[in-house]
Amino acid sequence: AFNFGVGILLDPLTAVMLVVVTGVSLMVQVYSLGYMRGDPGFARYYAYMSLFTASMIGLVLASNIVQLFVFWELVGLCSYLLIGFWYHRPAAAAAAKKAPKPKATKAKAAKKAAPAKKGNGTNGNGKDLVEKNKAALEKSGLVKPKKSKRASK
């Protein structure tokens, strides 16, 4: 007869892994408090992180292959959700999908060849965005401005 049991497996290795998983999760969630402060998706981020932590704990405690599979899939789902958290940013959406880049059509190739507008951070290589972020960090005092080589001569 078919017998399916759901339970937990707790042995010394599981105890060590529980300490590791909960410890790392605690550090990530505490760090994220400052990093995510003021973000409109704050609650959604913590919902994803909490589900990720619970899934990892379930993975560690799984007593059979079916439970292991379910929690493994939940970890994968949470990874997808967290990687694509800022889905409105093209890079995050692409990373979440892990889709291969489609072959460029003539229209796309012409669009790529056209020069990008300055100052909007979308020039293809992100230099405008990097410069904008450097300026903001220097203005806030978090980063000291670097002296140019010309000024030192």
C-alpha atoms as a PDB file:
ATOM      1  CA  ALA A   1       0.000   0.000   0.000  1.00  0.00           C
ATOM      2  CA  PHE A   2       1.083   3.561  -0.684  1.00  0.00           C
ATOM      3  CA  ASN A   3       2.162   5.403   2.437  1.00  0.00           C
ATOM      4  CA  PHE A   4       2.988   9.104   2.270  1.00  0.00           C
ATOM      5  CA  GLY A   5       4.142  10.894   5.391  1.00  0.00           C
ATOM      6  CA  VAL A   6       4.941  14.539   5.924  1.00  0.00           C
ATOM      7  CA  GLY A   7       7.373  15.425   8.645  1.00  0.00           C
ATOM      8  CA  ILE A   8      10.666  16.971   9.606  1.00  0.00           C
ATOM      9  CA  LEU A   9      14.102  15.467   9.853  1.00  0.00           C
ATOM     10  CA  LEU A  10      16.175  16.878  12.680  1.00  0.00           C
ATOM     11  CA  ASP A  11      19.716  15.619  13.190  1.00  0.00           C
ATOM     12  CA  PRO A  12      23.032  17.340  14.032  1.00  0.00           C
ATOM     13  CA  LEU A  13      23.698  18.337  10.402  1.00  0.00           C
ATOM     14  CA  THR A  14      20.200  19.786  10.101  1.00  0.00           C
ATOM     15  CA  ALA A  15      20.749  21.770  13.306  1.00  0.00           C
ATOM     16  CA  VAL A  16      23.961  23.283  11.913  1.00  0.00           C
ATOM     17  CA  MET A  17      22.266  24.132   8.603  1.00  0.00           C
ATOM     18  CA  LEU A  18      19.346  25.741  10.453  1.00  0.00           C
ATOM     19  CA  VAL A  19      21.783  28.014  12.276  1.00  0.00           C
ATOM     20  CA  VAL A  20      23.497  28.903   8.985  1.00  0.00           C
ATOM     21  CA  VAL A  21      20.265  29.559   7.067  1.00  0.00           C
ATOM     22  CA  THR A  22      18.596  31.597   9.807  1.00  0.00           C
ATOM     23  CA  GLY A  23      21.813  33.487  10.605  1.00  0.00           C
ATOM     24  CA  VAL A  24      22.459  34.504   7.000  1.00  0.00           C
ATOM     25  CA  SER A  25      18.787  35.350   6.526  1.00  0.00           C
ATOM     26  CA  LEU A  26      18.826  37.542   9.629  1.00  0.00           C
ATOM     27  CA  MET A  27      21.887  39.421   8.397  1.00  0.00           C
ATOM     28  CA  VAL A  28      20.361  39.964   4.937  1.00  0.00           C
ATOM     29  CA  GLN A  29      17.069  41.172   6.361  1.00  0.00           C
ATOM     30  CA  VAL A  30      18.723  43.565   8.831  1.00  0.00           C
ATOM     31  CA  TYR A  31      20.979  44.972   6.086  1.00  0.00           C
ATOM     32  CA  SER A  32      17.958  45.324   3.803  1.00  0.00           C
ATOM     33  CA  LEU A  33      16.185  47.554   6.320  1.00  0.00           C
ATOM     34  CA  GLY A  34      18.562  50.389   5.546  1.00  0.00           C
ATOM     35  CA  TYR A  35      18.949  49.593   1.876  1.00  0.00           C
ATOM     36  CA  MET A  36      15.201  49.403   1.178  1.00  0.00           C
ATOM     37  CA  ARG A  37      14.187  52.355   3.384  1.00  0.00           C
ATOM     38  CA  GLY A  38      11.792  54.564   1.446  1.00  0.00           C
ATOM     39  CA  ASP A  39      11.352  52.100  -1.439  1.00  0.00           C
ATOM     40  CA  PRO A  40       7.708  51.779  -2.523  1.00  0.00           C
ATOM     41  CA  GLY A  41       8.124  47.978  -2.744  1.00  0.00           C
ATOM     42  CA  PHE A  42       9.370  47.602   0.846  1.00  0.00           C
ATOM     43  CA  ALA A  43       6.527  45.313   2.011  1.00  0.00           C
ATOM     44  CA  ARG A  44       6.654  43.226  -1.176  1.00  0.00           C
ATOM     45  CA  TYR A  45      10.427  42.779  -0.779  1.00  0.00           C
ATOM     46  CA  TYR A  46      10.054  41.539   2.800  1.00  0.00           C
ATOM     47  CA  ALA A  47       7.222  39.218   1.786  1.00  0.00           C
ATOM     48  CA  TYR A  48       9.529  37.668  -0.833  1.00  0.00           C
ATOM     49  CA  MET A  49      12.443  37.472   1.607  1.00  0.00           C
ATOM     50  CA  SER A  50      10.292  35.878   4.312  1.00  0.00           C
ATOM     51  CA  LEU A  51       8.969  33.291   1.859  1.00  0.00           C
ATOM     52  CA  PHE A  52      12.543  32.642   0.690  1.00  0.00           C
ATOM     53  CA  THR A  53      13.709  32.101   4.288  1.00  0.00           C
ATOM     54  CA  ALA A  54      10.767  29.831   5.081  1.00  0.00           C
ATOM     55  CA  SER A  55      11.432  27.849   1.906  1.00  0.00           C
ATOM     56  CA  MET A  56      15.102  27.417   2.803  1.00  0.00           C
ATOM     57  CA  ILE A  57      14.191  26.252   6.300  1.00  0.00           C
ATOM     58  CA  GLY A  58      11.651  23.836   4.809  1.00  0.00           C
ATOM     59  CA  LEU A  59      14.336  22.567   2.428  1.00  0.00           C
ATOM     60  CA  VAL A  60      16.701  21.920   5.333  1.00  0.00           C
ATOM     61  CA  LEU A  61      14.025  20.176   7.430  1.00  0.00           C
ATOM     62  CA  ALA A  62      12.448  18.109   4.623  1.00  0.00           C
ATOM     63  CA  SER A  63      12.045  14.464   5.583  1.00  0.00           C
ATOM     64  CA  ASN A  64      11.253  13.054   2.131  1.00  0.00           C
ATOM     65  CA  ILE A  65      11.905  13.692  -1.533  1.00  0.00           C
ATOM     66  CA  VAL A  66       8.459  15.202  -2.209  1.00  0.00           C
ATOM     67  CA  GLN A  67       8.888  17.837   0.496  1.00  0.00           C
ATOM     68  CA  LEU A  68      12.420  18.485  -0.719  1.00  0.00           C
ATOM     69  CA  PHE A  69      11.119  19.048  -4.257  1.00  0.00           C
ATOM     70  CA  VAL A  70       8.306  21.391  -3.133  1.00  0.00           C
ATOM     71  CA  PHE A  71      10.640  23.537  -1.029  1.00  0.00           C
ATOM     72  CA  TRP A  72      13.309  23.504  -3.755  1.00  0.00           C
ATOM     73  CA  GLU A  73      10.752  24.856  -6.216  1.00  0.00           C
ATOM     74  CA  LEU A  74       9.670  27.512  -3.708  1.00  0.00           C
ATOM     75  CA  VAL A  75      13.305  28.593  -3.323  1.00  0.00           C
ATOM     76  CA  GLY A  76      13.506  28.867  -7.109  1.00  0.00           C
ATOM     77  CA  LEU A  77      10.296  30.909  -7.261  1.00  0.00           C
ATOM     78  CA  CYS A  78      11.546  33.274  -4.558  1.00  0.00           C
ATOM     79  CA  SER A  79      14.873  33.651  -6.361  1.00  0.00           C
ATOM     80  CA  TYR A  80      13.009  34.584  -9.539  1.00  0.00           C
ATOM     81  CA  LEU A  81      10.867  37.103  -7.650  1.00  0.00           C
ATOM     82  CA  LEU A  82      13.829  38.660  -5.840  1.00  0.00           C
ATOM     83  CA  ILE A  83      16.074  38.858  -8.916  1.00  0.00           C
ATOM     84  CA  GLY A  84      13.297  40.586 -10.828  1.00  0.00           C
ATOM     85  CA  PHE A  85      12.189  42.705  -7.864  1.00  0.00           C
ATOM     86  CA  TRP A  86      12.671  45.972  -9.748  1.00  0.00           C
ATOM     87  CA  TYR A  87      10.842  44.573 -12.767  1.00  0.00           C
ATOM     88  CA  HIS A  88      10.405  48.078 -14.207  1.00  0.00           C
ATOM     89  CA  ARG A  89      14.161  48.173 -14.845  1.00  0.00           C
ATOM     90  CA  PRO A  90      14.972  46.341 -18.075  1.00  0.00           C
ATOM     91  CA  ALA A  91      18.151  44.754 -16.682  1.00  0.00           C
ATOM     92  CA  ALA A  92      16.305  43.263 -13.698  1.00  0.00           C
ATOM     93  CA  ALA A  93      13.470  41.966 -15.847  1.00  0.00           C
ATOM     94  CA  ALA A  94      15.944  40.375 -18.271  1.00  0.00           C
ATOM     95  CA  ALA A  95      17.932  38.804 -15.424  1.00  0.00           C
ATOM     96  CA  ALA A  96      14.774  37.325 -13.930  1.00  0.00           C
ATOM     97  CA  LYS A  97      13.758  35.792 -17.243  1.00  0.00           C
ATOM     98  CA  LYS A  98      17.289  34.659 -18.170  1.00  0.00           C
ATOM     99  CA  ALA A  99      16.056  34.765 -21.739  1.00  0.00           C
ATOM    100  CA  PRO A 100      18.614  34.637 -24.524  1.00  0.00           C
ATOM    101  CA  LYS A 101      18.820  37.822 -26.522  1.00  0.00           C
ATOM    102  CA  PRO A 102      16.792  37.599 -29.728  1.00  0.00           C
ATOM    103  CA  LYS A 103      18.563  38.151 -33.020  1.00  0.00           C
ATOM    104  CA  ALA A 104      18.599  41.801 -34.005  1.00  0.00           C
ATOM    105  CA  THR A 105      16.222  42.806 -36.761  1.00  0.00           C
ATOM    106  CA  LYS A 106      17.019  45.610 -39.189  1.00  0.00           C
ATOM    107  CA  ALA A 107      14.809  48.009 -37.205  1.00  0.00           C
ATOM    108  CA  LYS A 108      16.546  47.105 -33.945  1.00  0.00           C
ATOM    109  CA  ALA A 109      19.967  47.429 -35.557  1.00  0.00           C
ATOM    110  CA  ALA A 110      19.061  50.903 -36.849  1.00  0.00           C
ATOM    111  CA  LYS A 111      17.806  51.876 -33.393  1.00  0.00           C
ATOM    112  CA  LYS A 112      21.083  50.700 -31.840  1.00  0.00           C
ATOM    113  CA  ALA A 113      23.107  52.666 -34.365  1.00  0.00           C
ATOM    114  CA  ALA A 114      21.232  55.889 -33.549  1.00  0.00           C
ATOM    115  CA  PRO A 115      22.967  57.946 -30.850  1.00  0.00           C
ATOM    116  CA  ALA A 116      21.245  57.863 -27.478  1.00  0.00           C
ATOM    117  CA  LYS A 117      20.069  60.990 -25.730  1.00  0.00           C
ATOM    118  CA  LYS A 118      22.555  62.324 -23.220  1.00  0.00           C
ATOM    119  CA  GLY A 119      21.779  62.354 -19.534  1.00  0.00           C
ATOM    120  CA  ASN A 120      19.014  59.770 -19.338  1.00  0.00           C
ATOM    121  CA  GLY A 121      21.203  56.805 -18.422  1.00  0.00           C
ATOM    122  CA  THR A 122      20.140  54.804 -21.450  1.00  0.00           C
ATOM    123  CA  ASN A 123      23.105  55.172 -23.759  1.00  0.00           C
ATOM    124  CA  GLY A 124      23.655  51.427 -23.862  1.00  0.00           C
ATOM    125  CA  ASN A 125      26.703  51.277 -21.634  1.00  0.00           C
ATOM    126  CA  GLY A 126      25.271  53.142 -18.641  1.00  0.00           C
ATOM    127  CA  LYS A 127      28.045  55.776 -18.433  1.00  0.00           C
ATOM    128  CA  ASP A 128      25.543  58.614 -17.998  1.00  0.00           C
ATOM    129  CA  LEU A 129      23.881  56.739 -15.148  1.00  0.00           C
ATOM    130  CA  VAL A 130      27.244  56.000 -13.515  1.00  0.00           C
ATOM    131  CA  GLU A 131      28.245  59.666 -13.696  1.00  0.00           C
ATOM    132  CA  LYS A 132      24.870  60.721 -12.298  1.00  0.00           C
ATOM    133  CA  ASN A 133      25.228  58.277  -9.371  1.00  0.00           C
ATOM    134  CA  LYS A 134      28.819  59.372  -8.691  1.00  0.00           C
ATOM    135  CA  ALA A 135      27.711  62.991  -8.578  1.00  0.00           C
ATOM    136  CA  ALA A 136      24.866  62.149  -6.180  1.00  0.00           C
ATOM    137  CA  LEU A 137      27.192  60.175  -3.882  1.00  0.00           C
ATOM    138  CA  GLU A 138      29.766  62.974  -3.866  1.00  0.00           C
ATOM    139  CA  LYS A 139      27.064  65.535  -3.120  1.00  0.00           C
ATOM    140  CA  SER A 140      25.730  63.458  -0.213  1.00  0.00           C
ATOM    141  CA  GLY A 141      29.209  63.170   1.283  1.00  0.00           C
ATOM    142  CA  LEU A 142      29.288  59.356   1.150  1.00  0.00           C
ATOM    143  CA  VAL A 143      32.132  59.415  -1.370  1.00  0.00           C
ATOM    144  CA  LYS A 144      34.924  61.949  -1.545  1.00  0.00           C
ATOM    145  CA  PRO A 145      35.437  63.426  -5.000  1.00  0.00           C
ATOM    146  CA  LYS A 146      38.603  62.198  -6.725  1.00  0.00           C
ATOM    147  CA  LYS A 147      41.121  64.810  -7.744  1.00  0.00           C
ATOM    148  CA  SER A 148      41.775  64.803 -11.457  1.00  0.00           C
ATOM    149  CA  LYS A 149      45.307  64.165 -12.736  1.00  0.00           C
ATOM    150  CA  ARG A 150      45.315  67.515 -14.533  1.00  0.00           C
ATOM    151  CA  ALA A 151      44.651  69.438 -11.312  1.00  0.00           C
ATOM    152  CA  SER A 152      47.655  67.866  -9.588  1.00  0.00           C
ATOM    153  CA  LYS A 153      50.137  68.960 -12.287  1.00  0.00           C
END
